């Protein structure tokens, strides 16, 4: 089975992007302008740190991250996305996007109200999610568009509305897809579970796309040795289980022909203590409940009766002999 090795991925990425940045720095963010500038100017190793909650007024203020590895620390603040209910939905309008050769470590932040998605991992892009909350995004919480996400601690509210006549309101937590526009044959969406997923919604916490824009050929899941929740293969669906292997959430069905690689789900089996069989003699003794065996009682009475008769016969004979 094809595996995703997180540390190997980072190792390769560092060398692909060049030598490690020994002058890594923190870049403070106070508003949408400084947020845009920080994402554009950050180089591998830098950390973008929010000092306030910010609201984006246009999609251009949330540029994608490609060809570098950075950290975005929300410092427990919120990023509210740009949204135009009447506008076009054709271009990339996610709040955080990792593109080709881009790695984003996202932590301690709430993402809300995106025009499309809160997070997108696109065409080999990689996003780790630690203490991240995503809610009220128009199309979905996360778009796994032939990229990889690592889940450390993720909290999902309701995301997804599917406008444009696509079935009305529908929760869409993590959407697994590969755009028909991607020509890279090895671009396969994947998830690394390394912690927990919690959602206020039960349906479609993982959602497999099946629309005309989707060309997904495979999906890969890896659970680390230390993860609490797991994503497991259950036929054509994915289930998210807790530390006790109890199912928390179940996806819709993966479309026919898609290769699903990961650890298989095995349901818990209730085990009861075995009942030892009883022998016929034990059953007979159990039926009498400790009472005296009636056959034994009758034998004793017969013996006493014969004894009395015997003594009476001896006495009678003795009397006749002496008369």
C-alpha atoms as a PDB file:
ATOM      1  CA  UNK A   1       0.000   0.000   0.000  1.00  0.00           C
ATOM      2  CA  UNK A   2       1.267   3.453  -0.862  1.00  0.00           C
ATOM      3  CA  UNK A   3       2.232   5.282   2.320  1.00  0.00           C
ATOM      4  CA  UNK A   4       2.660   8.933   3.174  1.00  0.00           C
ATOM      5  CA  UNK A   5       5.690   9.560   5.355  1.00  0.00           C
ATOM      6  CA  UNK A   6       5.277  12.970   6.931  1.00  0.00           C
ATOM      7  CA  UNK A   7       8.875  13.414   7.999  1.00  0.00           C
ATOM      8  CA  UNK A   8      10.157  12.253   4.639  1.00  0.00           C
ATOM      9  CA  UNK A   9       7.830  14.733   2.963  1.00  0.00           C
ATOM     10  CA  UNK A  10       9.227  17.597   4.994  1.00  0.00           C
ATOM     11  CA  UNK A  11      12.799  16.407   4.446  1.00  0.00           C
ATOM     12  CA  UNK A  12      12.342  16.329   0.689  1.00  0.00           C
ATOM     13  CA  UNK A  13      10.512  19.648   0.714  1.00  0.00           C
ATOM     14  CA  UNK A  14      13.338  21.385   2.560  1.00  0.00           C
ATOM     15  CA  UNK A  15      15.887  20.282  -0.012  1.00  0.00           C
ATOM     16  CA  UNK A  16      13.546  20.985  -2.900  1.00  0.00           C
ATOM     17  CA  UNK A  17      13.134  24.545  -1.694  1.00  0.00           C
ATOM     18  CA  UNK A  18      16.814  25.040  -0.935  1.00  0.00           C
ATOM     19  CA  UNK A  19      18.829  25.273   2.260  1.00  0.00           C
ATOM     20  CA  UNK A  20      17.117  25.899   5.593  1.00  0.00           C
ATOM     21  CA  UNK A  21      16.526  29.552   6.315  1.00  0.00           C
ATOM     22  CA  UNK A  22      18.791  30.263   9.307  1.00  0.00           C
ATOM     23  CA  UNK A  23      17.357  33.773   9.649  1.00  0.00           C
ATOM     24  CA  UNK A  24      13.734  32.660  10.065  1.00  0.00           C
ATOM     25  CA  UNK A  25      11.632  35.433  11.533  1.00  0.00           C
ATOM     26  CA  UNK A  26       8.204  36.235  12.921  1.00  0.00           C
ATOM     27  CA  UNK A  27       6.066  38.586  10.838  1.00  0.00           C
ATOM     28  CA  UNK A  28       3.313  40.357  12.814  1.00  0.00           C
ATOM     29  CA  UNK A  29      -0.108  40.858  11.213  1.00  0.00           C
ATOM     30  CA  UNK A  30      -2.592  43.499  12.341  1.00  0.00           C
ATOM     31  CA  UNK A  31      -4.987  43.869   9.370  1.00  0.00           C
ATOM     32  CA  UNK A  32      -5.731  42.510   5.899  1.00  0.00           C
ATOM     33  CA  UNK A  33      -3.014  44.591   4.239  1.00  0.00           C
ATOM     34  CA  UNK A  34      -0.273  43.300   6.526  1.00  0.00           C
ATOM     35  CA  UNK A  35      -1.681  39.768   6.193  1.00  0.00           C
ATOM     36  CA  UNK A  36      -1.403  39.905   2.405  1.00  0.00           C
ATOM     37  CA  UNK A  37       2.070  41.400   2.556  1.00  0.00           C
ATOM     38  CA  UNK A  38       3.216  38.796   5.105  1.00  0.00           C
ATOM     39  CA  UNK A  39       2.096  35.852   2.966  1.00  0.00           C
ATOM     40  CA  UNK A  40       3.801  37.352  -0.085  1.00  0.00           C
ATOM     41  CA  UNK A  41       7.081  38.247   1.632  1.00  0.00           C
ATOM     42  CA  UNK A  42       7.504  35.248   3.962  1.00  0.00           C
ATOM     43  CA  UNK A  43      10.232  32.791   3.047  1.00  0.00           C
ATOM     44  CA  UNK A  44      10.804  29.217   4.142  1.00  0.00           C
ATOM     45  CA  UNK A  45      11.017  29.038   7.925  1.00  0.00           C
ATOM     46  CA  UNK A  46       9.143  32.271   8.657  1.00  0.00           C
ATOM     47  CA  UNK A  47       6.105  32.475  10.955  1.00  0.00           C
ATOM     48  CA  UNK A  48       3.210  34.838  10.280  1.00  0.00           C
ATOM     49  CA  UNK A  49       1.623  35.813  13.616  1.00  0.00           C
ATOM     50  CA  UNK A  50      -1.788  37.473  13.987  1.00  0.00           C
ATOM     51  CA  UNK A  51      -2.060  40.181  16.624  1.00  0.00           C
ATOM     52  CA  UNK A  52      -5.724  40.887  15.863  1.00  0.00           C
ATOM     53  CA  UNK A  53      -8.687  39.267  14.191  1.00  0.00           C
ATOM     54  CA  UNK A  54      -8.902  40.392  10.583  1.00  0.00           C
ATOM     55  CA  UNK A  55     -11.551  40.539   7.867  1.00  0.00           C
ATOM     56  CA  UNK A  56     -10.645  40.288   4.202  1.00  0.00           C
ATOM     57  CA  UNK A  57     -12.430  42.731   1.907  1.00  0.00           C
ATOM     58  CA  UNK A  58     -11.363  41.090  -1.375  1.00  0.00           C
ATOM     59  CA  UNK A  59      -9.967  37.756  -2.452  1.00  0.00           C
ATOM     60  CA  UNK A  60      -6.632  39.228  -3.557  1.00  0.00           C
ATOM     61  CA  UNK A  61      -5.792  39.828   0.096  1.00  0.00           C
ATOM     62  CA  UNK A  62      -5.481  36.074   0.669  1.00  0.00           C
ATOM     63  CA  UNK A  63      -2.725  34.947  -1.740  1.00  0.00           C
ATOM     64  CA  UNK A  64      -1.710  31.316  -2.083  1.00  0.00           C
ATOM     65  CA  UNK A  65       1.500  29.859  -0.642  1.00  0.00           C
ATOM     66  CA  UNK A  66       3.711  27.996  -3.134  1.00  0.00           C
ATOM     67  CA  UNK A  67       7.369  26.945  -3.320  1.00  0.00           C
ATOM     68  CA  UNK A  68       8.020  27.637   0.363  1.00  0.00           C
ATOM     69  CA  UNK A  69       7.246  26.355   3.856  1.00  0.00           C
ATOM     70  CA  UNK A  70       5.804  28.763   6.418  1.00  0.00           C
ATOM     71  CA  UNK A  71       3.808  28.762   9.645  1.00  0.00           C
ATOM     72  CA  UNK A  72       0.674  30.836  10.214  1.00  0.00           C
ATOM     73  CA  UNK A  73      -0.053  31.230  13.927  1.00  0.00           C
ATOM     74  CA  UNK A  74      -3.478  32.752  14.469  1.00  0.00           C
ATOM     75  CA  UNK A  75      -2.724  33.391  18.139  1.00  0.00           C
ATOM     76  CA  UNK A  76      -6.371  32.395  18.850  1.00  0.00           C
ATOM     77  CA  UNK A  77      -7.740  35.149  16.597  1.00  0.00           C
ATOM     78  CA  UNK A  78     -10.167  34.835  13.661  1.00  0.00           C
ATOM     79  CA  UNK A  79      -9.732  35.390   9.933  1.00  0.00           C
ATOM     80  CA  UNK A  80     -13.024  36.244   8.248  1.00  0.00           C
ATOM     81  CA  UNK A  81     -12.982  35.665   4.524  1.00  0.00           C
ATOM     82  CA  UNK A  82     -14.044  37.851   1.646  1.00  0.00           C
ATOM     83  CA  UNK A  83     -17.483  36.955   0.353  1.00  0.00           C
ATOM     84  CA  UNK A  84     -19.575  38.201  -2.511  1.00  0.00           C
ATOM     85  CA  UNK A  85     -22.847  36.332  -2.680  1.00  0.00           C
ATOM     86  CA  UNK A  86     -23.564  37.686  -6.177  1.00  0.00           C
ATOM     87  CA  UNK A  87     -20.037  37.325  -7.512  1.00  0.00           C
ATOM     88  CA  UNK A  88     -18.284  34.673  -9.572  1.00  0.00           C
ATOM     89  CA  UNK A  89     -17.233  31.441  -7.879  1.00  0.00           C
ATOM     90  CA  UNK A  90     -14.896  30.306 -10.630  1.00  0.00           C
ATOM     91  CA  UNK A  91     -11.568  31.505  -9.224  1.00  0.00           C
ATOM     92  CA  UNK A  92      -9.667  30.523  -6.082  1.00  0.00           C
ATOM     93  CA  UNK A  93     -11.257  32.228  -3.106  1.00  0.00           C
ATOM     94  CA  UNK A  94     -10.184  30.158  -0.115  1.00  0.00           C
ATOM     95  CA  UNK A  95      -8.737  31.904   2.945  1.00  0.00           C
ATOM     96  CA  UNK A  96      -5.593  29.732   3.197  1.00  0.00           C
ATOM     97  CA  UNK A  97      -4.257  27.953   0.101  1.00  0.00           C
ATOM     98  CA  UNK A  98      -1.130  25.817  -0.261  1.00  0.00           C
ATOM     99  CA  UNK A  99      -0.222  25.327  -3.907  1.00  0.00           C
ATOM    100  CA  UNK A 100       2.482  23.307  -5.654  1.00  0.00           C
ATOM    101  CA  UNK A 101       5.541  22.768  -3.398  1.00  0.00           C
ATOM    102  CA  UNK A 102       3.844  24.892  -0.742  1.00  0.00           C
ATOM    103  CA  UNK A 103       3.724  23.809   2.902  1.00  0.00           C
ATOM    104  CA  UNK A 104       1.645  25.705   5.467  1.00  0.00           C
ATOM    105  CA  UNK A 105       1.574  24.890   9.183  1.00  0.00           C
ATOM    106  CA  UNK A 106      -1.691  26.478  10.308  1.00  0.00           C
ATOM    107  CA  UNK A 107      -2.460  26.692  14.015  1.00  0.00           C
ATOM    108  CA  UNK A 108      -4.449  28.463  16.723  1.00  0.00           C
ATOM    109  CA  UNK A 109      -6.945  30.135  14.415  1.00  0.00           C
ATOM    110  CA  UNK A 110     -10.610  30.242  13.407  1.00  0.00           C
ATOM    111  CA  UNK A 111     -11.484  30.599   9.720  1.00  0.00           C
ATOM    112  CA  UNK A 112     -14.989  31.682   8.771  1.00  0.00           C
ATOM    113  CA  UNK A 113     -17.193  33.082   5.996  1.00  0.00           C
ATOM    114  CA  UNK A 114     -15.008  32.182   3.015  1.00  0.00           C
ATOM    115  CA  UNK A 115     -16.395  32.656  -0.484  1.00  0.00           C
ATOM    116  CA  UNK A 116     -15.431  29.043  -1.190  1.00  0.00           C
ATOM    117  CA  UNK A 117     -13.346  27.122   1.403  1.00  0.00           C
ATOM    118  CA  UNK A 118     -11.509  27.927   4.595  1.00  0.00           C
ATOM    119  CA  UNK A 119      -8.456  25.900   3.515  1.00  0.00           C
ATOM    120  CA  UNK A 120      -7.339  24.432   0.202  1.00  0.00           C
ATOM    121  CA  UNK A 121      -4.449  22.017  -0.400  1.00  0.00           C
ATOM    122  CA  UNK A 122      -3.962  22.244  -4.169  1.00  0.00           C
ATOM    123  CA  UNK A 123      -1.893  20.206  -6.632  1.00  0.00           C
ATOM    124  CA  UNK A 124       0.547  18.731  -4.134  1.00  0.00           C
ATOM    125  CA  UNK A 125       0.243  21.525  -1.569  1.00  0.00           C
ATOM    126  CA  UNK A 126       0.479  20.508   2.107  1.00  0.00           C
ATOM    127  CA  UNK A 127      -1.375  22.000   5.094  1.00  0.00           C
ATOM    128  CA  UNK A 128      -1.113  20.876   8.717  1.00  0.00           C
ATOM    129  CA  UNK A 129      -3.994  21.856  11.007  1.00  0.00           C
ATOM    130  CA  UNK A 130      -3.389  22.289  14.730  1.00  0.00           C
ATOM    131  CA  UNK A 131      -6.079  23.853  16.930  1.00  0.00           C
ATOM    132  CA  UNK A 132      -7.937  25.081  13.855  1.00  0.00           C
ATOM    133  CA  UNK A 133     -11.680  25.792  13.697  1.00  0.00           C
ATOM    134  CA  UNK A 134     -13.509  26.274  10.392  1.00  0.00           C
ATOM    135  CA  UNK A 135     -17.170  27.249  10.060  1.00  0.00           C
ATOM    136  CA  UNK A 136     -19.703  29.034   7.845  1.00  0.00           C
ATOM    137  CA  UNK A 137     -17.670  28.801   4.641  1.00  0.00           C
ATOM    138  CA  UNK A 138     -19.800  28.898   1.521  1.00  0.00           C
ATOM    139  CA  UNK A 139     -18.671  25.738  -0.307  1.00  0.00           C
ATOM    140  CA  UNK A 140     -16.966  23.749   2.420  1.00  0.00           C
ATOM    141  CA  UNK A 141     -14.488  23.749   5.254  1.00  0.00           C
ATOM    142  CA  UNK A 142     -11.483  22.242   3.450  1.00  0.00           C
ATOM    143  CA  UNK A 143     -10.885  21.434  -0.211  1.00  0.00           C
ATOM    144  CA  UNK A 144      -8.409  18.594  -0.587  1.00  0.00           C
ATOM    145  CA  UNK A 145      -7.753  19.249  -4.273  1.00  0.00           C
ATOM    146  CA  UNK A 146      -5.018  16.706  -5.064  1.00  0.00           C
ATOM    147  CA  UNK A 147      -3.060  17.937  -2.048  1.00  0.00           C
ATOM    148  CA  UNK A 148      -2.394  16.697   1.482  1.00  0.00           C
ATOM    149  CA  UNK A 149      -3.631  17.777   4.886  1.00  0.00           C
ATOM    150  CA  UNK A 150      -2.295  16.626   8.231  1.00  0.00           C
ATOM    151  CA  UNK A 151      -4.937  16.785  10.971  1.00  0.00           C
ATOM    152  CA  UNK A 152      -3.577  17.400  14.464  1.00  0.00           C
ATOM    153  CA  UNK A 153      -6.630  19.032  16.050  1.00  0.00           C
ATOM    154  CA  UNK A 154      -9.440  20.204  13.792  1.00  0.00           C
ATOM    155  CA  UNK A 155     -12.896  21.490  14.742  1.00  0.00           C
ATOM    156  CA  UNK A 156     -15.525  21.820  12.044  1.00  0.00           C
ATOM    157  CA  UNK A 157     -18.822  23.655  12.246  1.00  0.00           C
ATOM    158  CA  UNK A 158     -21.389  23.774   9.453  1.00  0.00           C
ATOM    159  CA  UNK A 159     -19.758  24.539   6.106  1.00  0.00           C
ATOM    160  CA  UNK A 160     -21.228  24.359   2.632  1.00  0.00           C
ATOM    161  CA  UNK A 161     -24.248  25.723   0.916  1.00  0.00           C
ATOM    162  CA  UNK A 162     -23.821  24.458  -2.645  1.00  0.00           C
ATOM    163  CA  UNK A 163     -25.548  27.343  -4.434  1.00  0.00           C
ATOM    164  CA  UNK A 164     -26.158  27.372  -8.193  1.00  0.00           C
ATOM    165  CA  UNK A 165     -28.773  24.619  -8.023  1.00  0.00           C
ATOM    166  CA  UNK A 166     -26.496  21.897  -6.657  1.00  0.00           C
ATOM    167  CA  UNK A 167     -28.890  20.427  -4.131  1.00  0.00           C
ATOM    168  CA  UNK A 168     -29.468  23.172  -1.621  1.00  0.00           C
ATOM    169  CA  UNK A 169     -27.885  23.297   1.809  1.00  0.00           C
ATOM    170  CA  UNK A 170     -25.421  20.459   2.405  1.00  0.00           C
ATOM    171  CA  UNK A 171     -22.719  20.197   5.045  1.00  0.00           C
ATOM    172  CA  UNK A 172     -19.268  19.765   3.520  1.00  0.00           C
ATOM    173  CA  UNK A 173     -16.449  19.384   6.015  1.00  0.00           C
ATOM    174  CA  UNK A 174     -13.418  18.005   4.128  1.00  0.00           C
ATOM    175  CA  UNK A 175     -14.052  17.689   0.398  1.00  0.00           C
ATOM    176  CA  UNK A 176     -11.874  15.124  -1.387  1.00  0.00           C
ATOM    177  CA  UNK A 177     -11.417  15.963  -5.042  1.00  0.00           C
ATOM    178  CA  UNK A 178      -9.044  16.272  -7.975  1.00  0.00           C
ATOM    179  CA  UNK A 179      -9.865  18.988 -10.465  1.00  0.00           C
ATOM    180  CA  UNK A 180     -10.245  18.037 -14.108  1.00  0.00           C
ATOM    181  CA  UNK A 181      -7.891  20.958 -14.805  1.00  0.00           C
ATOM    182  CA  UNK A 182      -4.935  19.132 -13.210  1.00  0.00           C
ATOM    183  CA  UNK A 183      -2.783  17.145 -15.598  1.00  0.00           C
ATOM    184  CA  UNK A 184      -0.378  15.736 -13.010  1.00  0.00           C
ATOM    185  CA  UNK A 185      -1.013  11.929 -12.961  1.00  0.00           C
ATOM    186  CA  UNK A 186       0.441  11.499  -9.468  1.00  0.00           C
ATOM    187  CA  UNK A 187      -1.659  14.256  -7.916  1.00  0.00           C
ATOM    188  CA  UNK A 188      -3.737  12.258  -5.447  1.00  0.00           C
ATOM    189  CA  UNK A 189      -5.623  13.746  -2.458  1.00  0.00           C
ATOM    190  CA  UNK A 190      -4.438  12.390   0.890  1.00  0.00           C
ATOM    191  CA  UNK A 191      -4.963  12.845   4.627  1.00  0.00           C
ATOM    192  CA  UNK A 192      -2.587  12.151   7.498  1.00  0.00           C
ATOM    193  CA  UNK A 193      -4.425  11.652  10.820  1.00  0.00           C
ATOM    194  CA  UNK A 194      -2.239  12.732  13.718  1.00  0.00           C
ATOM    195  CA  UNK A 195      -4.729  13.727  16.407  1.00  0.00           C
ATOM    196  CA  UNK A 196      -8.468  14.483  16.487  1.00  0.00           C
ATOM    197  CA  UNK A 197     -11.360  15.663  14.309  1.00  0.00           C
ATOM    198  CA  UNK A 198     -14.516  17.035  15.902  1.00  0.00           C
ATOM    199  CA  UNK A 199     -17.587  18.372  14.129  1.00  0.00           C
ATOM    200  CA  UNK A 200     -20.918  19.879  15.118  1.00  0.00           C
ATOM    201  CA  UNK A 201     -22.391  18.067  12.095  1.00  0.00           C
ATOM    202  CA  UNK A 202     -22.689  14.308  11.610  1.00  0.00           C
ATOM    203  CA  UNK A 203     -23.048  14.123   7.821  1.00  0.00           C
ATOM    204  CA  UNK A 204     -20.277  14.620   5.259  1.00  0.00           C
ATOM    205  CA  UNK A 205     -17.476  15.421   7.661  1.00  0.00           C
ATOM    206  CA  UNK A 206     -15.544  13.805   4.822  1.00  0.00           C
ATOM    207  CA  UNK A 207     -17.244  14.359   1.480  1.00  0.00           C
ATOM    208  CA  UNK A 208     -16.194  12.656  -1.771  1.00  0.00           C
ATOM    209  CA  UNK A 209     -16.874  14.922  -4.735  1.00  0.00           C
ATOM    210  CA  UNK A 210     -18.628  13.410  -7.745  1.00  0.00           C
ATOM    211  CA  UNK A 211     -19.533  16.419  -9.893  1.00  0.00           C
ATOM    212  CA  UNK A 212     -18.429  17.154 -13.447  1.00  0.00           C
ATOM    213  CA  UNK A 213     -15.350  19.072 -12.243  1.00  0.00           C
ATOM    214  CA  UNK A 214     -13.982  16.075 -10.333  1.00  0.00           C
ATOM    215  CA  UNK A 215     -11.461  13.618 -11.740  1.00  0.00           C
ATOM    216  CA  UNK A 216     -10.371  11.777  -8.603  1.00  0.00           C
ATOM    217  CA  UNK A 217      -8.633   8.474  -9.352  1.00  0.00           C
ATOM    218  CA  UNK A 218      -7.416   7.657  -5.862  1.00  0.00           C
ATOM    219  CA  UNK A 219      -7.480   8.672  -2.218  1.00  0.00           C
ATOM    220  CA  UNK A 220      -4.878   7.842   0.435  1.00  0.00           C
ATOM    221  CA  UNK A 221      -5.213   7.896   4.222  1.00  0.00           C
ATOM    222  CA  UNK A 222      -2.461   7.304   6.761  1.00  0.00           C
ATOM    223  CA  UNK A 223      -2.924   7.128  10.538  1.00  0.00           C
ATOM    224  CA  UNK A 224       0.125   7.883  12.649  1.00  0.00           C
ATOM    225  CA  UNK A 225       1.046   5.591  15.542  1.00  0.00           C
ATOM    226  CA  UNK A 226       0.065   8.265  18.087  1.00  0.00           C
ATOM    227  CA  UNK A 227      -3.206   9.520  16.582  1.00  0.00           C
ATOM    228  CA  UNK A 228      -6.363   9.469  18.736  1.00  0.00           C
ATOM    229  CA  UNK A 229      -8.948   9.480  15.948  1.00  0.00           C
ATOM    230  CA  UNK A 230      -8.447   7.435  12.799  1.00  0.00           C
ATOM    231  CA  UNK A 231      -9.772   7.554   9.266  1.00  0.00           C
ATOM    232  CA  UNK A 232     -10.420   4.009   8.085  1.00  0.00           C
ATOM    233  CA  UNK A 233     -11.564   2.301   4.908  1.00  0.00           C
ATOM    234  CA  UNK A 234     -15.041   0.804   5.207  1.00  0.00           C
ATOM    235  CA  UNK A 235     -15.797  -0.544   1.742  1.00  0.00           C
ATOM    236  CA  UNK A 236     -16.550   2.509  -0.405  1.00  0.00           C
ATOM    237  CA  UNK A 237     -16.892   4.884   2.543  1.00  0.00           C
ATOM    238  CA  UNK A 238     -14.474   6.390   5.042  1.00  0.00           C
ATOM    239  CA  UNK A 239     -15.219   6.242   8.763  1.00  0.00           C
ATOM    240  CA  UNK A 240     -13.678   8.395  11.469  1.00  0.00           C
ATOM    241  CA  UNK A 241     -13.255   6.467  14.717  1.00  0.00           C
ATOM    242  CA  UNK A 242     -12.301   7.534  18.241  1.00  0.00           C
ATOM    243  CA  UNK A 243      -9.768   6.027  20.628  1.00  0.00           C
ATOM    244  CA  UNK A 244     -12.203   3.167  21.404  1.00  0.00           C
ATOM    245  CA  UNK A 245     -12.751   2.336  17.716  1.00  0.00           C
ATOM    246  CA  UNK A 246     -16.300   3.701  17.914  1.00  0.00           C
ATOM    247  CA  UNK A 247     -17.495   5.390  14.721  1.00  0.00           C
ATOM    248  CA  UNK A 248     -17.833   9.171  15.063  1.00  0.00           C
ATOM    249  CA  UNK A 249     -18.590  10.070  11.444  1.00  0.00           C
ATOM    250  CA  UNK A 250     -19.062   8.308   8.107  1.00  0.00           C
ATOM    251  CA  UNK A 251     -18.561   9.741   4.620  1.00  0.00           C
ATOM    252  CA  UNK A 252     -20.677   9.405   1.516  1.00  0.00           C
ATOM    253  CA  UNK A 253     -19.616   6.732  -0.962  1.00  0.00           C
ATOM    254  CA  UNK A 254     -16.472   7.099  -3.026  1.00  0.00           C
ATOM    255  CA  UNK A 255     -17.342   7.012  -6.691  1.00  0.00           C
ATOM    256  CA  UNK A 256     -16.904   3.746  -8.554  1.00  0.00           C
ATOM    257  CA  UNK A 257     -13.432   3.046  -9.866  1.00  0.00           C
ATOM    258  CA  UNK A 258     -11.556   5.224  -7.348  1.00  0.00           C
ATOM    259  CA  UNK A 259      -8.722   3.470  -5.505  1.00  0.00           C
ATOM    260  CA  UNK A 260      -9.031   3.943  -1.728  1.00  0.00           C
ATOM    261  CA  UNK A 261      -5.814   3.168   0.155  1.00  0.00           C
ATOM    262  CA  UNK A 262      -5.655   2.979   3.924  1.00  0.00           C
ATOM    263  CA  UNK A 263      -6.203   0.877   7.024  1.00  0.00           C
ATOM    264  CA  UNK A 264      -9.388  -1.213   6.986  1.00  0.00           C
ATOM    265  CA  UNK A 265     -12.101  -0.653   9.567  1.00  0.00           C
ATOM    266  CA  UNK A 266     -12.919  -3.619  11.826  1.00  0.00           C
ATOM    267  CA  UNK A 267     -16.031  -3.176  14.026  1.00  0.00           C
ATOM    268  CA  UNK A 268     -15.843  -3.853  17.732  1.00  0.00           C
ATOM    269  CA  UNK A 269     -17.196  -7.286  18.722  1.00  0.00           C
ATOM    270  CA  UNK A 270     -18.979  -7.575  22.065  1.00  0.00           C
ATOM    271  CA  UNK A 271     -17.430 -10.397  24.111  1.00  0.00           C
ATOM    272  CA  UNK A 272     -19.435 -12.185  26.837  1.00  0.00           C
ATOM    273  CA  UNK A 273     -18.174 -14.697  29.419  1.00  0.00           C
ATOM    274  CA  UNK A 274     -18.707 -18.290  28.190  1.00  0.00           C
ATOM    275  CA  UNK A 275     -21.290 -20.459  30.016  1.00  0.00           C
ATOM    276  CA  UNK A 276     -19.871 -23.810  31.126  1.00  0.00           C
ATOM    277  CA  UNK A 277     -22.085 -26.808  30.144  1.00  0.00           C
ATOM    278  CA  UNK A 278     -23.613 -28.917  32.901  1.00  0.00           C
ATOM    279  CA  UNK A 279     -23.621 -32.745  33.084  1.00  0.00           C
ATOM    280  CA  UNK A 280     -26.889 -34.765  33.395  1.00  0.00           C
ATOM    281  CA  UNK A 281     -26.056 -35.709  37.022  1.00  0.00           C
ATOM    282  CA  UNK A 282     -25.494 -32.027  37.884  1.00  0.00           C
ATOM    283  CA  UNK A 283     -28.846 -31.146  36.317  1.00  0.00           C
ATOM    284  CA  UNK A 284     -30.612 -33.907  38.359  1.00  0.00           C
ATOM    285  CA  UNK A 285     -29.039 -32.712  41.591  1.00  0.00           C
ATOM    286  CA  UNK A 286     -29.921 -29.131  40.691  1.00  0.00           C
ATOM    287  CA  UNK A 287     -33.606 -30.112  40.196  1.00  0.00           C
ATOM    288  CA  UNK A 288     -33.942 -31.476  43.755  1.00  0.00           C
ATOM    289  CA  UNK A 289     -32.515 -28.237  45.207  1.00  0.00           C
ATOM    290  CA  UNK A 290     -30.751 -30.194  47.947  1.00  0.00           C
ATOM    291  CA  UNK A 291     -33.854 -32.176  49.041  1.00  0.00           C
ATOM    292  CA  UNK A 292     -33.516 -35.847  50.105  1.00  0.00           C
ATOM    293  CA  UNK A 293     -33.738 -38.326  47.216  1.00  0.00           C
ATOM    294  CA  UNK A 294     -37.227 -39.930  47.458  1.00  0.00           C
ATOM    295  CA  UNK A 295     -35.901 -43.316  46.261  1.00  0.00           C
ATOM    296  CA  UNK A 296     -33.385 -43.401  49.103  1.00  0.00           C
ATOM    297  CA  UNK A 297     -36.124 -42.585  51.662  1.00  0.00           C
ATOM    298  CA  UNK A 298     -38.349 -45.437  50.452  1.00  0.00           C
ATOM    299  CA  UNK A 299     -35.457 -47.935  50.733  1.00  0.00           C
ATOM    300  CA  UNK A 300     -34.851 -47.021  54.385  1.00  0.00           C
ATOM    301  CA  UNK A 301     -38.513 -47.531  55.296  1.00  0.00           C
ATOM    302  CA  UNK A 302     -38.554 -50.943  53.618  1.00  0.00           C
ATOM    303  CA  UNK A 303     -35.429 -51.991  55.500  1.00  0.00           C
ATOM    304  CA  UNK A 304     -36.922 -50.952  58.850  1.00  0.00           C
ATOM    305  CA  UNK A 305     -40.168 -52.809  58.086  1.00  0.00           C
ATOM    306  CA  UNK A 306     -38.371 -56.058  57.237  1.00  0.00           C
ATOM    307  CA  UNK A 307     -36.275 -55.750  60.363  1.00  0.00           C
ATOM    308  CA  UNK A 308     -39.362 -55.448  62.582  1.00  0.00           C
ATOM    309  CA  UNK A 309     -40.988 -58.432  60.882  1.00  0.00           C
ATOM    310  CA  UNK A 310     -37.830 -60.451  61.334  1.00  0.00           C
ATOM    311  CA  UNK A 311     -37.654 -59.740  65.058  1.00  0.00           C
ATOM    312  CA  UNK A 312     -41.322 -60.578  65.432  1.00  0.00           C
ATOM    313  CA  UNK A 313     -40.784 -63.914  63.672  1.00  0.00           C
ATOM    314  CA  UNK A 314     -37.820 -64.805  65.886  1.00  0.00           C
ATOM    315  CA  UNK A 315     -39.837 -63.998  69.029  1.00  0.00           C
ATOM    316  CA  UNK A 316     -42.779 -66.136  67.885  1.00  0.00           C
ATOM    317  CA  UNK A 317     -40.570 -69.120  67.093  1.00  0.00           C
ATOM    318  CA  UNK A 318     -38.810 -68.875  70.468  1.00  0.00           C
ATOM    319  CA  UNK A 319     -42.162 -68.809  72.249  1.00  0.00           C
ATOM    320  CA  UNK A 320     -43.391 -71.940  70.426  1.00  0.00           C
ATOM    321  CA  UNK A 321     -40.243 -73.883  71.284  1.00  0.00           C
ATOM    322  CA  UNK A 322     -40.650 -73.232  74.988  1.00  0.00           C
ATOM    323  CA  UNK A 323     -44.329 -74.047  75.323  1.00  0.00           C
END
